[in-house]
Amino acid sequence: MIRIVLLVIVLVMAPTAAFFLWAWAVKIKEERKLAGTLPEWQDLPLTWLAIAGLVCLIMGVLVMFFTQSQGYGGLFAP
């Protein structure tokens, strides 16, 4: 039961944490862009999209690995 509650809390808090990390990264990026020290590859939005997609893929695989049981169903199975 506690595992389910913790998983739900993590899944609810993850978008909030992701937003604050994104806002922090944008601030750093703007500071570097103004200073002229931003590498060219970081200026491309598709690079960040690919990195975000890879991170989401890895997190999804890890969640599935740790929440699936060997038998029928997974964490929320009866």
PDB file of N, CA and C in Angstrom:
ATOM      1  N   MET A   1       0.819  -1.198   0.000  1.00  0.00           N
ATOM      2  CA  MET A   1       0.000   0.000   0.000  1.00  0.00           C
ATOM      3  C   MET A   1       0.863   1.263   0.000  1.00  0.00           C
ATOM      4  N   ILE A   2       1.902   1.256   0.841  1.00  0.00           N
ATOM      5  CA  ILE A   2       2.758   2.438   0.904  1.00  0.00           C
ATOM      6  C   ILE A   2       3.511   2.634  -0.409  1.00  0.00           C
ATOM      7  N   ARG A   3       3.830   1.516  -1.076  1.00  0.00           N
ATOM      8  CA  ARG A   3       4.525   1.606  -2.363  1.00  0.00           C
ATOM      9  C   ARG A   3       3.637   2.279  -3.398  1.00  0.00           C
ATOM     10  N   ILE A   4       2.365   1.970  -3.399  1.00  0.00           N
ATOM     11  CA  ILE A   4       1.432   2.586  -4.344  1.00  0.00           C
ATOM     12  C   ILE A   4       1.306   4.079  -4.069  1.00  0.00           C
ATOM     13  N   VAL A   5       1.183   4.447  -2.784  1.00  0.00           N
ATOM     14  CA  VAL A   5       1.069   5.860  -2.412  1.00  0.00           C
ATOM     15  C   VAL A   5       2.327   6.621  -2.830  1.00  0.00           C
ATOM     16  N   LEU A   6       3.490   6.051  -2.556  1.00  0.00           N
ATOM     17  CA  LEU A   6       4.735   6.714  -2.950  1.00  0.00           C
ATOM     18  C   LEU A   6       4.851   6.859  -4.461  1.00  0.00           C
ATOM     19  N   LEU A   7       4.448   5.841  -5.201  1.00  0.00           N
ATOM     20  CA  LEU A   7       4.499   5.917  -6.655  1.00  0.00           C
ATOM     21  C   LEU A   7       3.575   7.009  -7.184  1.00  0.00           C
ATOM     22  N   VAL A   8       2.380   7.097  -6.617  1.00  0.00           N
ATOM     23  CA  VAL A   8       1.437   8.126  -7.051  1.00  0.00           C
ATOM     24  C   VAL A   8       1.982   9.514  -6.715  1.00  0.00           C
ATOM     25  N   ILE A   9       2.547   9.683  -5.523  1.00  0.00           N
ATOM     26  CA  ILE A   9       3.119  10.985  -5.146  1.00  0.00           C
ATOM     27  C   ILE A   9       4.253  11.362  -6.082  1.00  0.00           C
ATOM     28  N   VAL A  10       5.113  10.409  -6.393  1.00  0.00           N
ATOM     29  CA  VAL A  10       6.224  10.688  -7.316  1.00  0.00           C
ATOM     30  C   VAL A  10       5.695  11.080  -8.688  1.00  0.00           C
ATOM     31  N   LEU A  11       4.683  10.369  -9.162  1.00  0.00           N
ATOM     32  CA  LEU A  11       4.140  10.678 -10.484  1.00  0.00           C
ATOM     33  C   LEU A  11       3.438  12.035 -10.513  1.00  0.00           C
ATOM     34  N   VAL A  12       2.890  12.466  -9.391  1.00  0.00           N
ATOM     35  CA  VAL A  12       2.255  13.780  -9.331  1.00  0.00           C
ATOM     36  C   VAL A  12       3.303  14.882  -9.209  1.00  0.00           C
ATOM     37  N   MET A  13       4.346  14.628  -8.446  1.00  0.00           N
ATOM     38  CA  MET A  13       5.370  15.642  -8.216  1.00  0.00           C
ATOM     39  C   MET A  13       6.380  15.745  -9.360  1.00  0.00           C
ATOM     40  N   ALA A  14       6.509  14.723 -10.179  1.00  0.00           N
ATOM     41  CA  ALA A  14       7.500  14.713 -11.254  1.00  0.00           C
ATOM     42  C   ALA A  14       7.315  15.861 -12.246  1.00  0.00           C
ATOM     43  N   PRO A  15       6.091  16.165 -12.707  1.00  0.00           N
ATOM     44  CA  PRO A  15       5.955  17.291 -13.633  1.00  0.00           C
ATOM     45  C   PRO A  15       6.327  18.632 -13.003  1.00  0.00           C
ATOM     46  N   THR A  16       6.029  18.802 -11.723  1.00  0.00           N
ATOM     47  CA  THR A  16       6.396  20.042 -11.041  1.00  0.00           C
ATOM     48  C   THR A  16       7.911  20.170 -10.958  1.00  0.00           C
ATOM     49  N   ALA A  17       8.576  19.107 -10.578  1.00  0.00           N
ATOM     50  CA  ALA A  17      10.036  19.123 -10.505  1.00  0.00           C
ATOM     51  C   ALA A  17      10.639  19.347 -11.892  1.00  0.00           C
ATOM     52  N   ALA A  18      10.064  18.712 -12.907  1.00  0.00           N
ATOM     53  CA  ALA A  18      10.561  18.898 -14.274  1.00  0.00           C
ATOM     54  C   ALA A  18      10.409  20.349 -14.720  1.00  0.00           C
ATOM     55  N   PHE A  19       9.310  20.989 -14.351  1.00  0.00           N
ATOM     56  CA  PHE A  19       9.114  22.389 -14.726  1.00  0.00           C
ATOM     57  C   PHE A  19      10.173  23.275 -14.090  1.00  0.00           C
ATOM     58  N   PHE A  20      10.432  23.082 -12.795  1.00  0.00           N
ATOM     59  CA  PHE A  20      11.427  23.918 -12.130  1.00  0.00           C
ATOM     60  C   PHE A  20      12.830  23.667 -12.677  1.00  0.00           C
ATOM     61  N   LEU A  21      13.149  22.422 -13.009  1.00  0.00           N
ATOM     62  CA  LEU A  21      14.439  22.137 -13.644  1.00  0.00           C
ATOM     63  C   LEU A  21      14.534  22.801 -15.013  1.00  0.00           C
ATOM     64  N   TRP A  22      13.440  22.778 -15.770  1.00  0.00           N
ATOM     65  CA  TRP A  22      13.423  23.416 -17.080  1.00  0.00           C
ATOM     66  C   TRP A  22      13.596  24.930 -16.949  1.00  0.00           C
ATOM     67  N   ALA A  23      12.897  25.542 -16.007  1.00  0.00           N
ATOM     68  CA  ALA A  23      13.011  26.993 -15.808  1.00  0.00           C
ATOM     69  C   ALA A  23      14.436  27.372 -15.402  1.00  0.00           C
ATOM     70  N   TRP A  24      15.050  26.557 -14.566  1.00  0.00           N
ATOM     71  CA  TRP A  24      16.426  26.804 -14.148  1.00  0.00           C
ATOM     72  C   TRP A  24      17.383  26.680 -15.332  1.00  0.00           C
ATOM     73  N   ALA A  25      17.165  25.667 -16.174  1.00  0.00           N
ATOM     74  CA  ALA A  25      18.017  25.469 -17.350  1.00  0.00           C
ATOM     75  C   ALA A  25      17.859  26.610 -18.348  1.00  0.00           C
ATOM     76  N   VAL A  26      16.640  27.122 -18.511  1.00  0.00           N
ATOM     77  CA  VAL A  26      16.415  28.244 -19.429  1.00  0.00           C
ATOM     78  C   VAL A  26      17.137  29.490 -18.930  1.00  0.00           C
ATOM     79  N   LYS A  27      17.107  29.706 -17.623  1.00  0.00           N
ATOM     80  CA  LYS A  27      17.797  30.868 -17.050  1.00  0.00           C
ATOM     81  C   LYS A  27      19.299  30.789 -17.306  1.00  0.00           C
ATOM     82  N   ILE A  28      19.874  29.608 -17.074  1.00  0.00           N
ATOM     83  CA  ILE A  28      21.310  29.417 -17.316  1.00  0.00           C
ATOM     84  C   ILE A  28      21.624  29.588 -18.803  1.00  0.00           C
ATOM     85  N   LYS A  29      20.760  29.051 -19.664  1.00  0.00           N
ATOM     86  CA  LYS A  29      20.976  29.159 -21.104  1.00  0.00           C
ATOM     87  C   LYS A  29      20.952  30.611 -21.556  1.00  0.00           C
ATOM     88  N   GLU A  30      20.004  31.386 -21.049  1.00  0.00           N
ATOM     89  CA  GLU A  30      19.931  32.801 -21.429  1.00  0.00           C
ATOM     90  C   GLU A  30      21.155  33.563 -20.943  1.00  0.00           C
ATOM     91  N   GLU A  31      21.628  33.257 -19.724  1.00  0.00           N
ATOM     92  CA  GLU A  31      22.830  33.912 -19.218  1.00  0.00           C
ATOM     93  C   GLU A  31      24.041  33.596 -20.088  1.00  0.00           C
ATOM     94  N   ARG A  32      24.175  32.339 -20.482  1.00  0.00           N
ATOM     95  CA  ARG A  32      25.304  31.948 -21.336  1.00  0.00           C
ATOM     96  C   ARG A  32      25.177  32.546 -22.735  1.00  0.00           C
ATOM     97  N   LYS A  33      23.939  32.650 -23.227  1.00  0.00           N
ATOM     98  CA  LYS A  33      23.734  33.217 -24.560  1.00  0.00           C
ATOM     99  C   LYS A  33      24.125  34.692 -24.567  1.00  0.00           C
ATOM    100  N   LEU A  34      23.741  35.414 -23.520  1.00  0.00           N
ATOM    101  CA  LEU A  34      24.102  36.825 -23.424  1.00  0.00           C
ATOM    102  C   LEU A  34      25.604  37.016 -23.258  1.00  0.00           C
ATOM    103  N   ALA A  35      26.258  36.093 -22.543  1.00  0.00           N
ATOM    104  CA  ALA A  35      27.696  36.182 -22.332  1.00  0.00           C
ATOM    105  C   ALA A  35      28.486  35.686 -23.540  1.00  0.00           C
ATOM    106  N   GLY A  36      27.817  34.995 -24.467  1.00  0.00           N
ATOM    107  CA  GLY A  36      28.499  34.483 -25.657  1.00  0.00           C
ATOM    108  C   GLY A  36      29.247  33.189 -25.414  1.00  0.00           C
ATOM    109  N   THR A  37      28.947  32.482 -24.336  1.00  0.00           N
ATOM    110  CA  THR A  37      29.647  31.237 -24.032  1.00  0.00           C
ATOM    111  C   THR A  37      28.775  30.002 -24.262  1.00  0.00           C
ATOM    112  N   LEU A  38      27.632  30.166 -24.910  1.00  0.00           N
ATOM    113  CA  LEU A  38      26.731  29.042 -25.166  1.00  0.00           C
ATOM    114  C   LEU A  38      27.240  28.238 -26.359  1.00  0.00           C
ATOM    115  N   PRO A  39      27.506  26.926 -26.169  1.00  0.00           N
ATOM    116  CA  PRO A  39      27.929  26.106 -27.307  1.00  0.00           C
ATOM    117  C   PRO A  39      26.827  26.064 -28.379  1.00  0.00           C
ATOM    118  N   GLU A  40      27.238  25.918 -29.616  1.00  0.00           N
ATOM    119  CA  GLU A  40      26.287  25.980 -30.731  1.00  0.00           C
ATOM    120  C   GLU A  40      25.247  24.859 -30.667  1.00  0.00           C
ATOM    121  N   TRP A  41      25.655  23.661 -30.204  1.00  0.00           N
ATOM    122  CA  TRP A  41      24.706  22.544 -30.179  1.00  0.00           C
ATOM    123  C   TRP A  41      23.597  22.766 -29.160  1.00  0.00           C
ATOM    124  N   GLN A  42      23.831  23.583 -28.134  1.00  0.00           N
ATOM    125  CA  GLN A  42      22.800  23.831 -27.135  1.00  0.00           C
ATOM    126  C   GLN A  42      21.761  24.833 -27.610  1.00  0.00           C
ATOM    127  N   ASP A  43      22.045  25.529 -28.675  1.00  0.00           N
ATOM    128  CA  ASP A  43      21.094  26.500 -29.201  1.00  0.00           C
ATOM    129  C   ASP A  43      20.007  25.825 -30.041  1.00  0.00           C
ATOM    130  N   LEU A  44      20.192  24.559 -30.372  1.00  0.00           N
ATOM    131  CA  LEU A  44      19.235  23.856 -31.209  1.00  0.00           C
ATOM    132  C   LEU A  44      18.127  23.224 -30.375  1.00  0.00           C
ATOM    133  N   PRO A  45      16.865  23.525 -30.656  1.00  0.00           N
ATOM    134  CA  PRO A  45      15.780  22.953 -29.841  1.00  0.00           C
ATOM    135  C   PRO A  45      15.597  21.450 -30.051  1.00  0.00           C
ATOM    136  N   LEU A  46      15.924  20.931 -31.226  1.00  0.00           N
ATOM    137  CA  LEU A  46      15.760  19.495 -31.458  1.00  0.00           C
ATOM    138  C   LEU A  46      16.729  18.667 -30.631  1.00  0.00           C
ATOM    139  N   THR A  47      17.878  19.229 -30.322  1.00  0.00           N
ATOM    140  CA  THR A  47      18.824  18.523 -29.465  1.00  0.00           C
ATOM    141  C   THR A  47      18.214  18.309 -28.093  1.00  0.00           C
ATOM    142  N   TRP A  48      17.618  19.364 -27.539  1.00  0.00           N
ATOM    143  CA  TRP A  48      16.993  19.248 -26.220  1.00  0.00           C
ATOM    144  C   TRP A  48      15.772  18.333 -26.275  1.00  0.00           C
ATOM    145  N   LEU A  49      15.053  18.352 -27.366  1.00  0.00           N
ATOM    146  CA  LEU A  49      13.904  17.463 -27.514  1.00  0.00           C
ATOM    147  C   LEU A  49      14.353  16.001 -27.525  1.00  0.00           C
ATOM    148  N   ALA A  50      15.434  15.716 -28.217  1.00  0.00           N
ATOM    149  CA  ALA A  50      15.959  14.353 -28.265  1.00  0.00           C
ATOM    150  C   ALA A  50      16.459  13.916 -26.889  1.00  0.00           C
ATOM    151  N   ILE A  51      17.133  14.805 -26.179  1.00  0.00           N
ATOM    152  CA  ILE A  51      17.616  14.476 -24.836  1.00  0.00           C
ATOM    153  C   ILE A  51      16.442  14.213 -23.901  1.00  0.00           C
ATOM    154  N   ALA A  52      15.409  15.049 -23.957  1.00  0.00           N
ATOM    155  CA  ALA A  52      14.228  14.860 -23.108  1.00  0.00           C
ATOM    156  C   ALA A  52      13.524  13.549 -23.444  1.00  0.00           C
ATOM    157  N   GLY A  53      13.422  13.214 -24.720  1.00  0.00           N
ATOM    158  CA  GLY A  53      12.799  11.958 -25.121  1.00  0.00           C
ATOM    159  C   GLY A  53      13.575  10.752 -24.627  1.00  0.00           C
ATOM    160  N   LEU A  54      14.889  10.825 -24.685  1.00  0.00           N
ATOM    161  CA  LEU A  54      15.722   9.728 -24.204  1.00  0.00           C
ATOM    162  C   LEU A  54      15.579   9.554 -22.691  1.00  0.00           C
ATOM    163  N   VAL A  55      15.555  10.657 -21.963  1.00  0.00           N
ATOM    164  CA  VAL A  55      15.381  10.590 -20.510  1.00  0.00           C
ATOM    165  C   VAL A  55      14.022   9.994 -20.170  1.00  0.00           C
ATOM    166  N   CYS A  56      12.965  10.415 -20.872  1.00  0.00           N
ATOM    167  CA  CYS A  56      11.625   9.856 -20.626  1.00  0.00           C
ATOM    168  C   CYS A  56      11.585   8.366 -20.945  1.00  0.00           C
ATOM    169  N   LEU A  57      12.255   7.956 -22.003  1.00  0.00           N
ATOM    170  CA  LEU A  57      12.316   6.535 -22.354  1.00  0.00           C
ATOM    171  C   LEU A  57      12.987   5.727 -21.259  1.00  0.00           C
ATOM    172  N   ILE A  58      14.118   6.201 -20.783  1.00  0.00           N
ATOM    173  CA  ILE A  58      14.845   5.493 -19.733  1.00  0.00           C
ATOM    174  C   ILE A  58      14.014   5.420 -18.451  1.00  0.00           C
ATOM    175  N   MET A  59      13.381   6.530 -18.077  1.00  0.00           N
ATOM    176  CA  MET A  59      12.552   6.536 -16.869  1.00  0.00           C
ATOM    177  C   MET A  59      11.369   5.590 -17.017  1.00  0.00           C
ATOM    178  N   GLY A  60      10.744   5.556 -18.185  1.00  0.00           N
ATOM    179  CA  GLY A  60       9.619   4.657 -18.413  1.00  0.00           C
ATOM    180  C   GLY A  60      10.014   3.199 -18.319  1.00  0.00           C
ATOM    181  N   VAL A  61      11.149   2.862 -18.888  1.00  0.00           N
ATOM    182  CA  VAL A  61      11.621   1.474 -18.820  1.00  0.00           C
ATOM    183  C   VAL A  61      11.937   1.097 -17.375  1.00  0.00           C
ATOM    184  N   LEU A  62      12.562   2.010 -16.624  1.00  0.00           N
ATOM    185  CA  LEU A  62      12.868   1.721 -15.225  1.00  0.00           C
ATOM    186  C   LEU A  62      11.603   1.548 -14.399  1.00  0.00           C
ATOM    187  N   VAL A  63      10.608   2.404 -14.610  1.00  0.00           N
ATOM    188  CA  VAL A  63       9.351   2.279 -13.869  1.00  0.00           C
ATOM    189  C   VAL A  63       8.679   0.956 -14.199  1.00  0.00           C
ATOM    190  N   MET A  64       8.648   0.597 -15.472  1.00  0.00           N
ATOM    191  CA  MET A  64       8.039  -0.675 -15.855  1.00  0.00           C
ATOM    192  C   MET A  64       8.806  -1.855 -15.252  1.00  0.00           C
ATOM    193  N   PHE A  65      10.124  -1.767 -15.220  1.00  0.00           N
ATOM    194  CA  PHE A  65      10.937  -2.856 -14.678  1.00  0.00           C
ATOM    195  C   PHE A  65      10.664  -3.059 -13.191  1.00  0.00           C
ATOM    196  N   PHE A  66      10.570  -1.961 -12.433  1.00  0.00           N
ATOM    197  CA  PHE A  66      10.422  -2.082 -10.992  1.00  0.00           C
ATOM    198  C   PHE A  66       8.972  -2.259 -10.537  1.00  0.00           C
ATOM    199  N   THR A  67       7.990  -1.999 -11.401  1.00  0.00           N
ATOM    200  CA  THR A  67       6.605  -2.127 -10.975  1.00  0.00           C
ATOM    201  C   THR A  67       5.911  -3.362 -11.537  1.00  0.00           C
ATOM    202  N   GLN A  68       6.514  -4.049 -12.462  1.00  0.00           N
ATOM    203  CA  GLN A  68       5.903  -5.250 -13.034  1.00  0.00           C
ATOM    204  C   GLN A  68       6.332  -6.459 -12.216  1.00  0.00           C
ATOM    205  N   SER A  69       5.377  -7.320 -11.935  1.00  0.00           N
ATOM    206  CA  SER A  69       5.709  -8.558 -11.228  1.00  0.00           C
ATOM    207  C   SER A  69       5.973  -9.655 -12.266  1.00  0.00           C
ATOM    208  N   GLN A  70       6.417 -10.792 -11.801  1.00  0.00           N
ATOM    209  CA  GLN A  70       6.706 -11.900 -12.702  1.00  0.00           C
ATOM    210  C   GLN A  70       5.431 -12.581 -13.203  1.00  0.00           C
ATOM    211  N   GLY A  71       4.364 -12.465 -12.427  1.00  0.00           N
ATOM    212  CA  GLY A  71       3.113 -13.106 -12.805  1.00  0.00           C
ATOM    213  C   GLY A  71       2.214 -12.138 -13.562  1.00  0.00           C
ATOM    214  N   TYR A  72       0.912 -12.316 -13.381  1.00  0.00           N
ATOM    215  CA  TYR A  72      -0.074 -11.485 -14.059  1.00  0.00           C
ATOM    216  C   TYR A  72      -0.093 -10.081 -13.467  1.00  0.00           C
ATOM    217  N   GLY A  73      -0.107  -9.064 -14.322  1.00  0.00           N
ATOM    218  CA  GLY A  73      -0.264  -7.679 -13.879  1.00  0.00           C
ATOM    219  C   GLY A  73       1.005  -7.100 -13.271  1.00  0.00           C
ATOM    220  N   GLY A  74       0.847  -5.944 -12.697  1.00  0.00           N
ATOM    221  CA  GLY A  74       1.980  -5.261 -12.111  1.00  0.00           C
ATOM    222  C   GLY A  74       1.635  -4.707 -10.744  1.00  0.00           C
ATOM    223  N   LEU A  75       2.022  -3.496 -10.499  1.00  0.00           N
ATOM    224  CA  LEU A  75       1.847  -2.875  -9.202  1.00  0.00           C
ATOM    225  C   LEU A  75       0.385  -2.728  -8.830  1.00  0.00           C
ATOM    226  N   PHE A  76      -0.470  -2.347  -9.766  1.00  0.00           N
ATOM    227  CA  PHE A  76      -1.868  -2.081  -9.480  1.00  0.00           C
ATOM    228  C   PHE A  76      -2.769  -3.288  -9.785  1.00  0.00           C
ATOM    229  N   ALA A  77      -2.182  -4.450 -10.041  1.00  0.00           N
ATOM    230  CA  ALA A  77      -2.982  -5.646 -10.323  1.00  0.00           C
ATOM    231  C   ALA A  77      -3.631  -6.162  -9.044  1.00  0.00           C
ATOM    232  N   PRO A  78      -4.835  -6.703  -9.159  1.00  0.00           N
ATOM    233  CA  PRO A  78      -5.527  -7.215  -7.952  1.00  0.00           C
ATOM    234  C   PRO A  78      -4.853  -8.459  -7.399  1.00  0.00           C
TER     235      PRO A  78
END
